[in-house]
C-alpha atoms as a PDB file:
ATOM      1  CA  MET A   1      18.014 -33.958  -2.096  1.00  0.00           C
ATOM      2  CA  SER A   2      19.447 -31.864   0.738  1.00  0.00           C
ATOM      3  CA  SER A   3      18.524 -28.207   1.141  1.00  0.00           C
ATOM      4  CA  ALA A   4      22.052 -27.257   0.020  1.00  0.00           C
ATOM      5  CA  GLN A   5      21.468 -29.077  -3.292  1.00  0.00           C
ATOM      6  CA  ARG A   6      17.947 -27.781  -3.919  1.00  0.00           C
ATOM      7  CA  PRO A   7      17.690 -25.068  -6.588  1.00  0.00           C
ATOM      8  CA  LEU A   8      17.163 -21.569  -5.283  1.00  0.00           C
ATOM      9  CA  ILE A   9      13.552 -20.353  -5.392  1.00  0.00           C
ATOM     10  CA  VAL A  10      13.269 -16.741  -6.533  1.00  0.00           C
ATOM     11  CA  ILE A  11       9.904 -14.980  -6.432  1.00  0.00           C
ATOM     12  CA  GLY A  12       9.602 -11.745  -8.391  1.00  0.00           C
ATOM     13  CA  ILE A  13       7.009  -9.168  -7.389  1.00  0.00           C
ATOM     14  CA  THR A  14       5.654  -6.772  -9.993  1.00  0.00           C
ATOM     15  CA  GLY A  15       3.061  -4.048  -9.953  1.00  0.00           C
ATOM     16  CA  MET A  16       2.610  -0.409 -10.737  1.00  0.00           C
ATOM     17  CA  PRO A  17       3.856   2.123  -8.154  1.00  0.00           C
ATOM     18  CA  GLY A  18       1.528   2.136  -5.150  1.00  0.00           C
ATOM     19  CA  ALA A  19      -0.098  -1.207  -5.997  1.00  0.00           C
ATOM     20  CA  GLY A  20       0.966  -2.832  -2.721  1.00  0.00           C
ATOM     21  CA  LYS A  21       4.398  -4.323  -3.378  1.00  0.00           C
ATOM     22  CA  ASP A  22       5.754  -2.817  -0.145  1.00  0.00           C
ATOM     23  CA  THR A  23       3.006  -4.530   1.851  1.00  0.00           C
ATOM     24  CA  VAL A  24       3.877  -7.892   0.294  1.00  0.00           C
ATOM     25  CA  LYS A  25       7.560  -7.181   0.942  1.00  0.00           C
ATOM     26  CA  GLU A  26       6.858  -6.494   4.645  1.00  0.00           C
ATOM     27  CA  ILE A  27       4.891  -9.729   4.977  1.00  0.00           C
ATOM     28  CA  VAL A  28       7.556 -11.927   3.376  1.00  0.00           C
ATOM     29  CA  ARG A  29      10.223 -10.297   5.568  1.00  0.00           C
ATOM     30  CA  GLU A  30       8.100 -11.116   8.642  1.00  0.00           C
ATOM     31  CA  TYR A  31       8.322 -14.757   7.547  1.00  0.00           C
ATOM     32  CA  GLY A  32      12.100 -14.457   7.371  1.00  0.00           C
ATOM     33  CA  PHE A  33      12.594 -14.332   3.613  1.00  0.00           C
ATOM     34  CA  PRO A  34      15.208 -11.900   2.309  1.00  0.00           C
ATOM     35  CA  VAL A  35      14.115  -9.284  -0.238  1.00  0.00           C
ATOM     36  CA  VAL A  36      16.181  -7.695  -2.994  1.00  0.00           C
ATOM     37  CA  VAL A  37      14.684  -4.386  -4.184  1.00  0.00           C
ATOM     38  CA  MET A  38      15.350  -3.664  -7.852  1.00  0.00           C
ATOM     39  CA  GLY A  39      14.487   0.023  -7.442  1.00  0.00           C
ATOM     40  CA  ASP A  40      17.387   0.360  -4.995  1.00  0.00           C
ATOM     41  CA  GLU A  41      19.682  -0.118  -7.995  1.00  0.00           C
ATOM     42  CA  ILE A  42      18.248   3.044  -9.560  1.00  0.00           C
ATOM     43  CA  ARG A  43      18.407   4.988  -6.282  1.00  0.00           C
ATOM     44  CA  ASP A  44      22.013   3.807  -5.755  1.00  0.00           C
ATOM     45  CA  GLU A  45      22.877   4.903  -9.293  1.00  0.00           C
ATOM     46  CA  ALA A  46      21.409   8.349  -8.576  1.00  0.00           C
ATOM     47  CA  ALA A  47      23.519   8.587  -5.414  1.00  0.00           C
ATOM     48  CA  ARG A  48      26.672   7.551  -7.333  1.00  0.00           C
ATOM     49  CA  ARG A  49      25.941  10.264  -9.889  1.00  0.00           C
ATOM     50  CA  LYS A  50      25.118  12.760  -7.111  1.00  0.00           C
ATOM     51  CA  ILE A  51      21.651  13.340  -8.577  1.00  0.00           C
ATOM     52  CA  GLU A  52      18.629  14.169  -6.413  1.00  0.00           C
ATOM     53  CA  PRO A  53      16.237  11.166  -6.325  1.00  0.00           C
ATOM     54  CA  THR A  54      13.145  12.907  -7.707  1.00  0.00           C
ATOM     55  CA  PRO A  55      10.615  10.896  -9.749  1.00  0.00           C
ATOM     56  CA  GLU A  56      11.804  12.626 -12.925  1.00  0.00           C
ATOM     57  CA  ASN A  57      15.515  12.041 -12.245  1.00  0.00           C
ATOM     58  CA  LEU A  58      15.053   8.400 -11.273  1.00  0.00           C
ATOM     59  CA  GLY A  59      12.929   7.829 -14.372  1.00  0.00           C
ATOM     60  CA  LYS A  60      15.619   9.332 -16.587  1.00  0.00           C
ATOM     61  CA  ILE A  61      18.321   7.221 -14.952  1.00  0.00           C
ATOM     62  CA  MET A  62      16.201   4.076 -15.330  1.00  0.00           C
ATOM     63  CA  LEU A  63      15.712   4.707 -19.053  1.00  0.00           C
ATOM     64  CA  GLN A  64      19.342   5.743 -19.551  1.00  0.00           C
ATOM     65  CA  ILE A  65      20.941   2.668 -17.984  1.00  0.00           C
ATOM     66  CA  ARG A  66      18.510   0.402 -19.832  1.00  0.00           C
ATOM     67  CA  ALA A  67      19.482   2.110 -23.107  1.00  0.00           C
ATOM     68  CA  GLU A  68      23.200   1.841 -22.285  1.00  0.00           C
ATOM     69  CA  GLU A  69      23.349  -1.657 -20.774  1.00  0.00           C
ATOM     70  CA  GLY A  70      20.233  -3.406 -22.071  1.00  0.00           C
ATOM     71  CA  PRO A  71      16.658  -3.814 -20.838  1.00  0.00           C
ATOM     72  CA  GLU A  72      17.650  -6.623 -18.459  1.00  0.00           C
ATOM     73  CA  VAL A  73      20.378  -4.576 -16.712  1.00  0.00           C
ATOM     74  CA  LEU A  74      18.649  -4.348 -13.326  1.00  0.00           C
ATOM     75  CA  ALA A  75      18.094  -8.098 -13.205  1.00  0.00           C
ATOM     76  CA  LYS A  76      21.758  -8.666 -14.071  1.00  0.00           C
ATOM     77  CA  ARG A  77      22.809  -6.294 -11.288  1.00  0.00           C
ATOM     78  CA  CYS A  78      20.551  -8.057  -8.760  1.00  0.00           C
ATOM     79  CA  ILE A  79      21.565 -11.657  -9.541  1.00  0.00           C
ATOM     80  CA  PRO A  80      24.890 -11.560  -7.634  1.00  0.00           C
ATOM     81  CA  LYS A  81      23.103  -9.985  -4.648  1.00  0.00           C
ATOM     82  CA  ILE A  82      20.490 -12.752  -4.697  1.00  0.00           C
ATOM     83  CA  ARG A  83      23.142 -15.481  -4.794  1.00  0.00           C
ATOM     84  CA  ALA A  84      25.221 -13.785  -2.065  1.00  0.00           C
ATOM     85  CA  LEU A  85      22.310 -14.008   0.378  1.00  0.00           C
ATOM     86  CA  GLY A  86      22.740 -17.782   0.598  1.00  0.00           C
ATOM     87  CA  ALA A  87      19.015 -18.274   1.228  1.00  0.00           C
ATOM     88  CA  GLN A  88      16.865 -21.022  -0.291  1.00  0.00           C
ATOM     89  CA  VAL A  89      14.056 -18.560  -1.067  1.00  0.00           C
ATOM     90  CA  VAL A  90      14.587 -14.932  -2.112  1.00  0.00           C
ATOM     91  CA  VAL A  91      11.948 -12.373  -3.045  1.00  0.00           C
ATOM     92  CA  VAL A  92      12.767  -9.749  -5.695  1.00  0.00           C
ATOM     93  CA  ASP A  93      10.696  -6.583  -5.473  1.00  0.00           C
ATOM     94  CA  GLY A  94      10.106  -4.406  -8.512  1.00  0.00           C
ATOM     95  CA  LEU A  95      10.144  -6.400 -11.754  1.00  0.00           C
ATOM     96  CA  ARG A  96       9.466  -3.947 -14.567  1.00  0.00           C
ATOM     97  CA  SER A  97       9.923  -5.769 -17.866  1.00  0.00           C
ATOM     98  CA  PRO A  98       9.670  -9.137 -19.603  1.00  0.00           C
ATOM     99  CA  HIS A  99      13.426  -8.845 -20.272  1.00  0.00           C
ATOM    100  CA  GLU A 100      14.062  -8.943 -16.528  1.00  0.00           C
ATOM    101  CA  VAL A 101      11.774 -11.959 -16.170  1.00  0.00           C
ATOM    102  CA  ARG A 102      13.689 -13.803 -18.924  1.00  0.00           C
ATOM    103  CA  GLU A 103      17.024 -12.945 -17.298  1.00  0.00           C
ATOM    104  CA  PHE A 104      15.895 -14.293 -13.927  1.00  0.00           C
ATOM    105  CA  LYS A 105      14.442 -17.433 -15.557  1.00  0.00           C
ATOM    106  CA  LYS A 106      17.791 -18.058 -17.275  1.00  0.00           C
ATOM    107  CA  GLU A 107      19.553 -17.906 -13.908  1.00  0.00           C
ATOM    108  CA  PHE A 108      16.988 -19.532 -11.625  1.00  0.00           C
ATOM    109  CA  SER A 109      14.996 -22.569 -12.767  1.00  0.00           C
ATOM    110  CA  ARG A 110      12.520 -22.034  -9.934  1.00  0.00           C
ATOM    111  CA  PHE A 111      11.634 -18.404 -10.694  1.00  0.00           C
ATOM    112  CA  LYS A 112       8.010 -17.305 -10.268  1.00  0.00           C
ATOM    113  CA  VAL A 113       6.204 -13.964 -10.634  1.00  0.00           C
ATOM    114  CA  ILE A 114       3.516 -12.469  -8.401  1.00  0.00           C
ATOM    115  CA  ALA A 115       1.648  -9.464  -9.858  1.00  0.00           C
ATOM    116  CA  ILE A 116       0.022  -6.965  -7.479  1.00  0.00           C
ATOM    117  CA  HIS A 117      -2.855  -4.841  -8.822  1.00  0.00           C
ATOM    118  CA  ALA A 118      -4.716  -1.740  -7.578  1.00  0.00           C
ATOM    119  CA  SER A 119      -6.682   0.996  -9.332  1.00  0.00           C
ATOM    120  CA  PRO A 120      -4.886   4.210 -10.377  1.00  0.00           C
ATOM    121  CA  LYS A 121      -6.954   6.218  -7.862  1.00  0.00           C
ATOM    122  CA  THR A 122      -5.994   3.890  -4.999  1.00  0.00           C
ATOM    123  CA  ARG A 123      -2.342   3.864  -6.043  1.00  0.00           C
ATOM    124  CA  PHE A 124      -2.190   7.670  -6.275  1.00  0.00           C
ATOM    125  CA  LYS A 125      -3.664   8.055  -2.757  1.00  0.00           C
ATOM    126  CA  ARG A 126      -1.185   5.519  -1.374  1.00  0.00           C
ATOM    127  CA  LEU A 127       1.778   7.286  -2.960  1.00  0.00           C
ATOM    128  CA  LEU A 128       0.681  10.651  -1.568  1.00  0.00           C
ATOM    129  CA  ARG A 129       0.437   9.096   1.916  1.00  0.00           C
ATOM    130  CA  ARG A 130       3.757   7.261   1.575  1.00  0.00           C
ATOM    131  CA  GLY A 131       5.606  10.458   0.715  1.00  0.00           C
ATOM    132  CA  ARG A 132       8.895   8.906  -0.397  1.00  0.00           C
ATOM    133  CA  SER A 133      11.224  11.398  -2.121  1.00  0.00           C
ATOM    134  CA  ASP A 134      10.626   9.788  -5.512  1.00  0.00           C
ATOM    135  CA  ASP A 135       6.826   9.613  -5.135  1.00  0.00           C
ATOM    136  CA  PRO A 136       4.737  11.941  -7.334  1.00  0.00           C
ATOM    137  CA  LYS A 137       3.183  14.941  -5.617  1.00  0.00           C
ATOM    138  CA  ASP A 138       0.443  15.554  -8.200  1.00  0.00           C
ATOM    139  CA  TRP A 139      -1.719  13.614 -10.664  1.00  0.00           C
ATOM    140  CA  GLU A 140       0.242  14.740 -13.737  1.00  0.00           C
ATOM    141  CA  THR A 141       3.543  13.458 -12.318  1.00  0.00           C
ATOM    142  CA  PHE A 142       1.790  10.247 -11.261  1.00  0.00           C
ATOM    143  CA  TYR A 143       0.388   9.775 -14.767  1.00  0.00           C
ATOM    144  CA  MET A 144       3.765  10.446 -16.405  1.00  0.00           C
ATOM    145  CA  ARG A 145       5.439   7.939 -14.085  1.00  0.00           C
ATOM    146  CA  ASP A 146       2.822   5.332 -14.985  1.00  0.00           C
ATOM    147  CA  GLN A 147       3.448   5.950 -18.689  1.00  0.00           C
ATOM    148  CA  ARG A 148       7.206   5.551 -18.176  1.00  0.00           C
ATOM    149  CA  GLU A 149       6.680   2.289 -16.265  1.00  0.00           C
ATOM    150  CA  LEU A 150       4.405   0.983 -19.012  1.00  0.00           C
ATOM    151  CA  SER A 151       6.947   1.998 -21.675  1.00  0.00           C
ATOM    152  CA  VAL A 152       9.554  -0.394 -20.258  1.00  0.00           C
ATOM    153  CA  GLY A 153       7.072  -3.281 -20.294  1.00  0.00           C
ATOM    154  CA  ILE A 154       5.636  -3.608 -16.790  1.00  0.00           C
ATOM    155  CA  GLY A 155       2.200  -4.332 -18.260  1.00  0.00           C
ATOM    156  CA  GLU A 156       3.641  -7.398 -20.017  1.00  0.00           C
ATOM    157  CA  VAL A 157       5.205  -8.937 -16.920  1.00  0.00           C
END
């Protein structure tokens, strides 16, 4: 079977915020694999709505579009981007729910998941250092973000 006929391999990365997904993403990019970031869909949606990308706002948007379009909406939005890359292997960063996993498995027979783990204390320190606009600035915001992530099913991925 030629490489053009081989089914696309899609590798989904999951993990709580600050677990180390960005590190994995950097490594796979160094090896030349393209990466589609599911969280960019939420940040893009915030920009379209002209909403500041704070942790609270992004969390609300995430829950709102899932309620409006279904729990697999981010996977559905990413699938055309994955196919458009034309690569044999694509890494998807930011799986958050079993619904997304099922959607990707429906589309890609060679879909696999890698879960990245780190303690809450380690993750909180990393997020403070990272300092992205949507990163929590205090423990309470961090905890609330974790609860929101768990509510959409990340712990079941």
